[in-house]
Amino acid sequence: IDYLTKVEKLDFVSAVHRLNDLRPVLVQEDQRERPSSKEPRPFVQPARDNSDLKARAYLRGRGICEPVLQFCLDAGTLYQSRHGRYTNCVFLGLDANGTACSAFSRGCEGGWRGDAPGSQKKYGFTIPAATQDCPLVFVYEAPIDALSGATLRWQERGKDWRDRWYLALGGLNYQPLEWFLDNHPETTVLYLCLDNDRAGRQFSARIQERLANRGYRIVDAPPRCGKDYNELLLRKKQSRKHGER
């Protein structure tokens, strides 16, 4: 009736008459549409390359410091993969058991980026705090921004840079944050280090609204200059170079 009145523009009485005039047709068993049983696409983790030289060089070029870079490489959440003649940085998202369930790849040459087939988006890339009961998490959009935030902290605090969690959402995506908070009940303070553009500002406001009544202290902390934390890191690096001259 809704279809006939809204789409076909019939009045209610005419729509009822039209339906009464229809004759039911028996559908044979083999013609009936069976419910689809779509299973989740299996996760395919990108294969590790036999070297990480290009990934290291690319991330160093993005300003990432060696201690942060080496920590992630040693943890296995960051590595280099190869696709044909191209190399990629791979950032893994782990479940509560430490099993890889998602992978985000970033090309070392050009601007290519994308998720591995079957990636479960609720598992974001993280750099863990030094202690499991750490109540503080800094939230970024992209893995390289999380690495940049960690590098900025290392520049401030040296070996104490892991006094917080670093979480990358893999875009404007609530799922990794919700999963993180569900699995880290010790968390009390969130710094939203999202991009300093319209989309990032709007998403930060939505997160604050979404979590407003859940008892967290939430700090909106976009980069002080530039679009994102990697741009902030590179600008600071450039400023130091000019200051040395």
C-alpha atoms as a PDB file:
ATOM      1  CA  ILE A   1       0.000   0.000   0.000  1.00  0.00           C
ATOM      2  CA  ASP A   2       2.836   2.392   0.835  1.00  0.00           C
ATOM      3  CA  TYR A   3       4.400   1.752  -2.556  1.00  0.00           C
ATOM      4  CA  LEU A   4       1.165   2.282  -4.446  1.00  0.00           C
ATOM      5  CA  THR A   5       0.234   5.463  -2.589  1.00  0.00           C
ATOM      6  CA  LYS A   6       3.707   7.048  -2.445  1.00  0.00           C
ATOM      7  CA  VAL A   7       5.251   5.882  -5.711  1.00  0.00           C
ATOM      8  CA  GLU A   8       2.293   5.106  -7.965  1.00  0.00           C
ATOM      9  CA  LYS A   9       0.363   8.063  -6.453  1.00  0.00           C
ATOM     10  CA  LEU A  10      -2.896   6.099  -6.002  1.00  0.00           C
ATOM     11  CA  ASP A  11      -5.357   7.027  -3.295  1.00  0.00           C
ATOM     12  CA  PHE A  12      -5.796   4.546  -0.442  1.00  0.00           C
ATOM     13  CA  VAL A  13      -9.020   2.965  -1.754  1.00  0.00           C
ATOM     14  CA  SER A  14      -7.571   2.500  -5.266  1.00  0.00           C
ATOM     15  CA  ALA A  15      -4.432   0.948  -3.790  1.00  0.00           C
ATOM     16  CA  VAL A  16      -6.527  -1.597  -1.856  1.00  0.00           C
ATOM     17  CA  HIS A  17      -8.540  -2.459  -5.000  1.00  0.00           C
ATOM     18  CA  ARG A  18      -5.299  -2.930  -6.950  1.00  0.00           C
ATOM     19  CA  LEU A  19      -3.990  -5.346  -4.321  1.00  0.00           C
ATOM     20  CA  ASN A  20      -7.284  -7.269  -4.249  1.00  0.00           C
ATOM     21  CA  ASP A  21      -7.084  -7.756  -8.013  1.00  0.00           C
ATOM     22  CA  LEU A  22      -3.706  -9.434  -7.782  1.00  0.00           C
ATOM     23  CA  ARG A  23      -3.698 -13.222  -7.993  1.00  0.00           C
ATOM     24  CA  PRO A  24      -1.265 -15.212  -5.854  1.00  0.00           C
ATOM     25  CA  VAL A  25       1.122 -17.409  -7.797  1.00  0.00           C
ATOM     26  CA  LEU A  26       2.564 -20.627  -6.444  1.00  0.00           C
ATOM     27  CA  VAL A  27       6.347 -20.587  -6.530  1.00  0.00           C
ATOM     28  CA  GLN A  28       8.108 -23.918  -6.911  1.00  0.00           C
ATOM     29  CA  GLU A  29      10.551 -24.845  -4.150  1.00  0.00           C
ATOM     30  CA  ASP A  30      13.612 -24.591  -6.381  1.00  0.00           C
ATOM     31  CA  GLN A  31      12.560 -21.099  -7.570  1.00  0.00           C
ATOM     32  CA  ARG A  32      12.293 -19.560  -4.138  1.00  0.00           C
ATOM     33  CA  GLU A  33      15.064 -17.244  -3.112  1.00  0.00           C
ATOM     34  CA  ARG A  34      17.041 -18.899  -0.397  1.00  0.00           C
ATOM     35  CA  PRO A  35      18.414 -16.723   2.376  1.00  0.00           C
ATOM     36  CA  SER A  36      22.007 -15.848   1.694  1.00  0.00           C
ATOM     37  CA  SER A  37      24.510 -17.221   4.150  1.00  0.00           C
ATOM     38  CA  LYS A  38      27.268 -14.692   3.663  1.00  0.00           C
ATOM     39  CA  GLU A  39      30.216 -15.478   5.869  1.00  0.00           C
ATOM     40  CA  PRO A  40      32.710 -12.796   6.837  1.00  0.00           C
ATOM     41  CA  ARG A  41      35.492 -12.485   4.316  1.00  0.00           C
ATOM     42  CA  PRO A  42      38.612 -14.146   5.748  1.00  0.00           C
ATOM     43  CA  PHE A  43      41.419 -11.818   6.751  1.00  0.00           C
ATOM     44  CA  VAL A  44      44.440 -12.015   4.470  1.00  0.00           C
ATOM     45  CA  GLN A  45      47.494 -10.553   6.160  1.00  0.00           C
ATOM     46  CA  PRO A  46      50.043  -9.081   3.715  1.00  0.00           C
ATOM     47  CA  ALA A  47      53.174 -11.185   3.507  1.00  0.00           C
ATOM     48  CA  ARG A  48      56.306  -9.809   5.129  1.00  0.00           C
ATOM     49  CA  ASP A  49      59.149  -8.809   2.878  1.00  0.00           C
ATOM     50  CA  ASN A  50      62.632 -10.123   3.596  1.00  0.00           C
ATOM     51  CA  SER A  51      63.773  -6.587   4.419  1.00  0.00           C
ATOM     52  CA  ASP A  52      62.381  -3.471   6.047  1.00  0.00           C
ATOM     53  CA  LEU A  53      64.869  -0.971   4.590  1.00  0.00           C
ATOM     54  CA  LYS A  54      62.398   0.933   2.383  1.00  0.00           C
ATOM     55  CA  ALA A  55      59.745   1.091   5.088  1.00  0.00           C
ATOM     56  CA  ARG A  56      62.324   2.420   7.545  1.00  0.00           C
ATOM     57  CA  ALA A  57      63.535   5.008   5.043  1.00  0.00           C
ATOM     58  CA  TYR A  58      60.002   6.109   4.210  1.00  0.00           C
ATOM     59  CA  LEU A  59      58.954   6.537   7.838  1.00  0.00           C
ATOM     60  CA  ARG A  60      62.193   8.297   8.764  1.00  0.00           C
ATOM     61  CA  GLY A  61      61.442  10.661   5.895  1.00  0.00           C
ATOM     62  CA  ARG A  62      58.078  11.309   7.543  1.00  0.00           C
ATOM     63  CA  GLY A  63      59.948  12.325  10.697  1.00  0.00           C
ATOM     64  CA  ILE A  64      59.411   9.185  12.784  1.00  0.00           C
ATOM     65  CA  CYS A  65      62.211   8.723  15.310  1.00  0.00           C
ATOM     66  CA  GLU A  66      64.239   5.537  15.571  1.00  0.00           C
ATOM     67  CA  PRO A  67      63.117   4.448  19.080  1.00  0.00           C
ATOM     68  CA  VAL A  68      59.418   4.563  18.111  1.00  0.00           C
ATOM     69  CA  LEU A  69      60.078   2.942  14.754  1.00  0.00           C
ATOM     70  CA  GLN A  70      62.180   0.145  16.266  1.00  0.00           C
ATOM     71  CA  PHE A  71      59.653  -0.524  19.014  1.00  0.00           C
ATOM     72  CA  CYS A  72      56.858  -1.119  16.490  1.00  0.00           C
ATOM     73  CA  LEU A  73      59.082  -3.238  14.251  1.00  0.00           C
ATOM     74  CA  ASP A  74      60.122  -5.375  17.223  1.00  0.00           C
ATOM     75  CA  ALA A  75      56.484  -5.716  18.312  1.00  0.00           C
ATOM     76  CA  GLY A  76      55.584  -6.963  14.823  1.00  0.00           C
ATOM     77  CA  THR A  77      52.745  -4.466  14.407  1.00  0.00           C
ATOM     78  CA  LEU A  78      54.702  -2.638  11.713  1.00  0.00           C
ATOM     79  CA  TYR A  79      56.611  -4.238   8.862  1.00  0.00           C
ATOM     80  CA  GLN A  80      57.380  -4.008   5.150  1.00  0.00           C
ATOM     81  CA  SER A  81      55.528  -5.933   2.465  1.00  0.00           C
ATOM     82  CA  ARG A  82      55.981  -6.102  -1.282  1.00  0.00           C
ATOM     83  CA  HIS A  83      53.376  -5.992  -4.042  1.00  0.00           C
ATOM     84  CA  GLY A  84      54.987  -6.480  -7.426  1.00  0.00           C
ATOM     85  CA  ARG A  85      57.680  -3.835  -7.718  1.00  0.00           C
ATOM     86  CA  TYR A  86      56.137  -1.692  -4.971  1.00  0.00           C
ATOM     87  CA  THR A  87      56.822  -1.791  -1.249  1.00  0.00           C
ATOM     88  CA  ASN A  88      54.380  -0.915   1.499  1.00  0.00           C
ATOM     89  CA  CYS A  89      54.396  -0.182   5.200  1.00  0.00           C
ATOM     90  CA  VAL A  90      51.907  -2.484   6.934  1.00  0.00           C
ATOM     91  CA  PHE A  91      50.266  -1.505  10.233  1.00  0.00           C
ATOM     92  CA  LEU A  92      48.491  -4.335  12.056  1.00  0.00           C
ATOM     93  CA  GLY A  93      45.466  -4.219  14.346  1.00  0.00           C
ATOM     94  CA  LEU A  94      45.483  -6.942  17.021  1.00  0.00           C
ATOM     95  CA  ASP A  95      42.676  -8.538  19.007  1.00  0.00           C
ATOM     96  CA  ALA A  96      42.765  -9.098  22.779  1.00  0.00           C
ATOM     97  CA  ASN A  97      44.887 -12.243  22.275  1.00  0.00           C
ATOM     98  CA  GLY A  98      47.467 -10.442  20.159  1.00  0.00           C
ATOM     99  CA  THR A  99      46.271 -12.014  16.904  1.00  0.00           C
ATOM    100  CA  ALA A 100      46.353  -9.832  13.792  1.00  0.00           C
ATOM    101  CA  CYS A 101      42.809  -9.141  12.572  1.00  0.00           C
ATOM    102  CA  SER A 102      43.297  -6.058  10.391  1.00  0.00           C
ATOM    103  CA  ALA A 103      46.056  -4.520   8.314  1.00  0.00           C
ATOM    104  CA  PHE A 104      46.398  -1.061   6.822  1.00  0.00           C
ATOM    105  CA  SER A 105      49.022  -0.616   4.094  1.00  0.00           C
ATOM    106  CA  ARG A 106      50.703   2.619   3.039  1.00  0.00           C
ATOM    107  CA  GLY A 107      52.825   2.748  -0.070  1.00  0.00           C
ATOM    108  CA  CYS A 108      56.475   3.707   0.343  1.00  0.00           C
ATOM    109  CA  GLU A 109      56.356   5.113  -3.199  1.00  0.00           C
ATOM    110  CA  GLY A 110      53.492   7.408  -4.159  1.00  0.00           C
ATOM    111  CA  GLY A 111      50.291   7.899  -2.211  1.00  0.00           C
ATOM    112  CA  TRP A 112      48.678   4.448  -2.358  1.00  0.00           C
ATOM    113  CA  ARG A 113      46.932   3.226   0.800  1.00  0.00           C
ATOM    114  CA  GLY A 114      44.300   0.638   1.657  1.00  0.00           C
ATOM    115  CA  ASP A 115      43.071  -2.103   3.986  1.00  0.00           C
ATOM    116  CA  ALA A 116      43.978  -5.762   3.515  1.00  0.00           C
ATOM    117  CA  PRO A 117      41.089  -8.038   2.414  1.00  0.00           C
ATOM    118  CA  GLY A 118      38.936  -9.163   5.316  1.00  0.00           C
ATOM    119  CA  SER A 119      40.286  -6.577   7.753  1.00  0.00           C
ATOM    120  CA  GLN A 120      38.027  -6.166  10.787  1.00  0.00           C
ATOM    121  CA  LYS A 121      37.890  -2.407  11.221  1.00  0.00           C
ATOM    122  CA  LYS A 122      37.258  -2.500  14.951  1.00  0.00           C
ATOM    123  CA  TYR A 123      40.874  -3.474  15.541  1.00  0.00           C
ATOM    124  CA  GLY A 124      42.970  -0.336  15.228  1.00  0.00           C
ATOM    125  CA  PHE A 125      46.724   0.077  15.163  1.00  0.00           C
ATOM    126  CA  THR A 126      48.031   0.704  18.674  1.00  0.00           C
ATOM    127  CA  ILE A 127      51.289   1.461  20.429  1.00  0.00           C
ATOM    128  CA  PRO A 128      50.795   0.183  23.971  1.00  0.00           C
ATOM    129  CA  ALA A 129      51.628   2.046  27.136  1.00  0.00           C
ATOM    130  CA  ALA A 130      54.454   0.701  29.278  1.00  0.00           C
ATOM    131  CA  THR A 131      51.934  -0.452  31.903  1.00  0.00           C
ATOM    132  CA  GLN A 132      48.631  -2.224  31.278  1.00  0.00           C
ATOM    133  CA  ASP A 133      46.798  -0.115  33.859  1.00  0.00           C
ATOM    134  CA  CYS A 134      47.652   3.159  32.115  1.00  0.00           C
ATOM    135  CA  PRO A 135      44.472   5.333  32.129  1.00  0.00           C
ATOM    136  CA  LEU A 136      45.486   7.586  29.246  1.00  0.00           C
ATOM    137  CA  VAL A 137      44.916   7.109  25.487  1.00  0.00           C
ATOM    138  CA  PHE A 138      45.747   9.482  22.630  1.00  0.00           C
ATOM    139  CA  VAL A 139      43.524   8.905  19.595  1.00  0.00           C
ATOM    140  CA  TYR A 140      44.585   9.634  15.992  1.00  0.00           C
ATOM    141  CA  GLU A 141      43.072   9.054  12.575  1.00  0.00           C
ATOM    142  CA  ALA A 142      46.019   7.395  10.783  1.00  0.00           C
ATOM    143  CA  PRO A 143      48.832   5.105  11.973  1.00  0.00           C
ATOM    144  CA  ILE A 144      51.500   7.567  10.811  1.00  0.00           C
ATOM    145  CA  ASP A 145      49.847  10.256  12.958  1.00  0.00           C
ATOM    146  CA  ALA A 146      50.024   7.909  15.957  1.00  0.00           C
ATOM    147  CA  LEU A 147      53.733   7.319  15.224  1.00  0.00           C
ATOM    148  CA  SER A 148      54.157  11.086  14.910  1.00  0.00           C
ATOM    149  CA  GLY A 149      52.481  11.694  18.251  1.00  0.00           C
ATOM    150  CA  ALA A 150      54.758   9.101  19.834  1.00  0.00           C
ATOM    151  CA  THR A 151      57.807  10.757  18.241  1.00  0.00           C
ATOM    152  CA  LEU A 152      56.790  14.159  19.594  1.00  0.00           C
ATOM    153  CA  ARG A 153      56.434  12.598  23.039  1.00  0.00           C
ATOM    154  CA  TRP A 154      59.855  10.921  22.736  1.00  0.00           C
ATOM    155  CA  GLN A 155      61.347  14.322  21.897  1.00  0.00           C
ATOM    156  CA  GLU A 156      59.805  15.669  25.116  1.00  0.00           C
ATOM    157  CA  ARG A 157      60.318  12.771  27.505  1.00  0.00           C
ATOM    158  CA  GLY A 158      62.940  10.472  25.988  1.00  0.00           C
ATOM    159  CA  LYS A 159      62.652   6.902  27.293  1.00  0.00           C
ATOM    160  CA  ASP A 160      59.374   7.739  29.085  1.00  0.00           C
ATOM    161  CA  TRP A 161      57.477   8.277  25.826  1.00  0.00           C
ATOM    162  CA  ARG A 162      55.281   5.209  26.493  1.00  0.00           C
ATOM    163  CA  ASP A 163      53.429   6.882  29.377  1.00  0.00           C
ATOM    164  CA  ARG A 164      50.200   6.582  27.337  1.00  0.00           C
ATOM    165  CA  TRP A 165      48.450   4.462  24.719  1.00  0.00           C
ATOM    166  CA  TYR A 166      48.498   5.589  21.084  1.00  0.00           C
ATOM    167  CA  LEU A 167      45.500   4.456  19.034  1.00  0.00           C
ATOM    168  CA  ALA A 168      44.915   4.959  15.297  1.00  0.00           C
ATOM    169  CA  LEU A 169      41.314   4.622  14.132  1.00  0.00           C
ATOM    170  CA  GLY A 170      42.152   4.004  10.471  1.00  0.00           C
ATOM    171  CA  GLY A 171      40.009   6.964   9.404  1.00  0.00           C
ATOM    172  CA  LEU A 172      36.847   8.482  10.856  1.00  0.00           C
ATOM    173  CA  ASN A 173      35.718   5.262  12.466  1.00  0.00           C
ATOM    174  CA  TYR A 174      34.171   4.784  15.908  1.00  0.00           C
ATOM    175  CA  GLN A 175      34.714   1.018  16.069  1.00  0.00           C
ATOM    176  CA  PRO A 176      38.382   0.885  17.165  1.00  0.00           C
ATOM    177  CA  LEU A 177      37.771   3.409  19.938  1.00  0.00           C
ATOM    178  CA  GLU A 178      34.700   1.569  21.216  1.00  0.00           C
ATOM    179  CA  TRP A 179      36.593  -1.744  21.133  1.00  0.00           C
ATOM    180  CA  PHE A 180      39.575  -0.207  22.920  1.00  0.00           C
ATOM    181  CA  LEU A 181      37.431   1.284  25.698  1.00  0.00           C
ATOM    182  CA  ASP A 182      35.509  -1.976  26.145  1.00  0.00           C
ATOM    183  CA  ASN A 183      38.781  -3.876  26.532  1.00  0.00           C
ATOM    184  CA  HIS A 184      40.600  -1.269  28.640  1.00  0.00           C
ATOM    185  CA  PRO A 185      38.267  -0.407  31.504  1.00  0.00           C
ATOM    186  CA  GLU A 186      41.158   1.333  33.273  1.00  0.00           C
ATOM    187  CA  THR A 187      40.970   4.171  30.707  1.00  0.00           C
ATOM    188  CA  THR A 188      39.742   7.457  32.181  1.00  0.00           C
ATOM    189  CA  VAL A 189      41.277  10.163  29.973  1.00  0.00           C
ATOM    190  CA  LEU A 190      41.067  10.500  26.177  1.00  0.00           C
ATOM    191  CA  TYR A 191      42.939  13.010  24.042  1.00  0.00           C
ATOM    192  CA  LEU A 192      41.325  13.324  20.610  1.00  0.00           C
ATOM    193  CA  CYS A 193      44.241  14.135  18.299  1.00  0.00           C
ATOM    194  CA  LEU A 194      42.166  14.114  15.117  1.00  0.00           C
ATOM    195  CA  ASP A 195      42.889  16.088  11.978  1.00  0.00           C
ATOM    196  CA  ASN A 196      42.566  19.841  11.959  1.00  0.00           C
ATOM    197  CA  ASP A 197      40.147  19.933   9.038  1.00  0.00           C
ATOM    198  CA  ARG A 198      36.364  20.127   8.853  1.00  0.00           C
ATOM    199  CA  ALA A 199      35.836  16.355   8.840  1.00  0.00           C
ATOM    200  CA  GLY A 200      38.215  15.807  11.753  1.00  0.00           C
ATOM    201  CA  ARG A 201      36.677  18.595  13.830  1.00  0.00           C
ATOM    202  CA  GLN A 202      33.159  17.324  13.225  1.00  0.00           C
ATOM    203  CA  PHE A 203      34.118  13.753  14.071  1.00  0.00           C
ATOM    204  CA  SER A 204      35.840  14.868  17.263  1.00  0.00           C
ATOM    205  CA  ALA A 205      32.657  16.687  18.306  1.00  0.00           C
ATOM    206  CA  ARG A 206      30.588  13.566  17.613  1.00  0.00           C
ATOM    207  CA  ILE A 207      32.904  11.396  19.720  1.00  0.00           C
ATOM    208  CA  GLN A 208      32.654  13.873  22.592  1.00  0.00           C
ATOM    209  CA  GLU A 209      28.872  13.821  22.335  1.00  0.00           C
ATOM    210  CA  ARG A 210      28.803  10.033  22.081  1.00  0.00           C
ATOM    211  CA  LEU A 211      30.932   9.545  25.215  1.00  0.00           C
ATOM    212  CA  ALA A 212      29.596  12.527  27.168  1.00  0.00           C
ATOM    213  CA  ASN A 213      27.774  10.513  29.827  1.00  0.00           C
ATOM    214  CA  ARG A 214      30.243   7.658  30.262  1.00  0.00           C
ATOM    215  CA  GLY A 215      32.507   9.246  32.845  1.00  0.00           C
ATOM    216  CA  TYR A 216      35.592   9.940  30.719  1.00  0.00           C
ATOM    217  CA  ARG A 217      37.628  13.106  30.756  1.00  0.00           C
ATOM    218  CA  ILE A 218      37.860  14.037  27.077  1.00  0.00           C
ATOM    219  CA  VAL A 219      40.314  16.593  25.699  1.00  0.00           C
ATOM    220  CA  ASP A 220      40.000  17.887  22.149  1.00  0.00           C
ATOM    221  CA  ALA A 221      43.641  18.130  21.015  1.00  0.00           C
ATOM    222  CA  PRO A 222      44.044  18.822  17.284  1.00  0.00           C
ATOM    223  CA  PRO A 223      47.557  19.735  16.096  1.00  0.00           C
ATOM    224  CA  ARG A 224      48.529  23.301  16.960  1.00  0.00           C
ATOM    225  CA  CYS A 225      49.535  23.860  13.344  1.00  0.00           C
ATOM    226  CA  GLY A 226      49.134  21.898  10.132  1.00  0.00           C
ATOM    227  CA  LYS A 227      46.426  19.451   9.128  1.00  0.00           C
ATOM    228  CA  ASP A 228      47.534  16.462  11.202  1.00  0.00           C
ATOM    229  CA  TYR A 229      50.173  15.366  13.673  1.00  0.00           C
ATOM    230  CA  ASN A 230      52.606  14.230  11.019  1.00  0.00           C
ATOM    231  CA  GLU A 231      52.510  17.683   9.446  1.00  0.00           C
ATOM    232  CA  LEU A 232      53.041  19.202  12.898  1.00  0.00           C
ATOM    233  CA  LEU A 233      56.031  16.908  13.458  1.00  0.00           C
ATOM    234  CA  LEU A 234      57.594  17.807  10.110  1.00  0.00           C
ATOM    235  CA  ARG A 235      57.077  21.529  10.712  1.00  0.00           C
ATOM    236  CA  LYS A 236      58.790  21.277  14.087  1.00  0.00           C
ATOM    237  CA  LYS A 237      61.632  19.358  12.497  1.00  0.00           C
ATOM    238  CA  GLN A 238      61.992  22.064   9.848  1.00  0.00           C
ATOM    239  CA  SER A 239      61.923  24.800  12.490  1.00  0.00           C
ATOM    240  CA  ARG A 240      64.740  23.132  14.402  1.00  0.00           C
ATOM    241  CA  LYS A 241      66.825  22.958  11.230  1.00  0.00           C
ATOM    242  CA  HIS A 242      66.348  26.663  10.596  1.00  0.00           C
ATOM    243  CA  GLY A 243      67.156  27.396  14.232  1.00  0.00           C
ATOM    244  CA  GLU A 244      70.464  25.560  13.957  1.00  0.00           C
ATOM    245  CA  ARG A 245      71.630  27.673  11.021  1.00  0.00           C
END
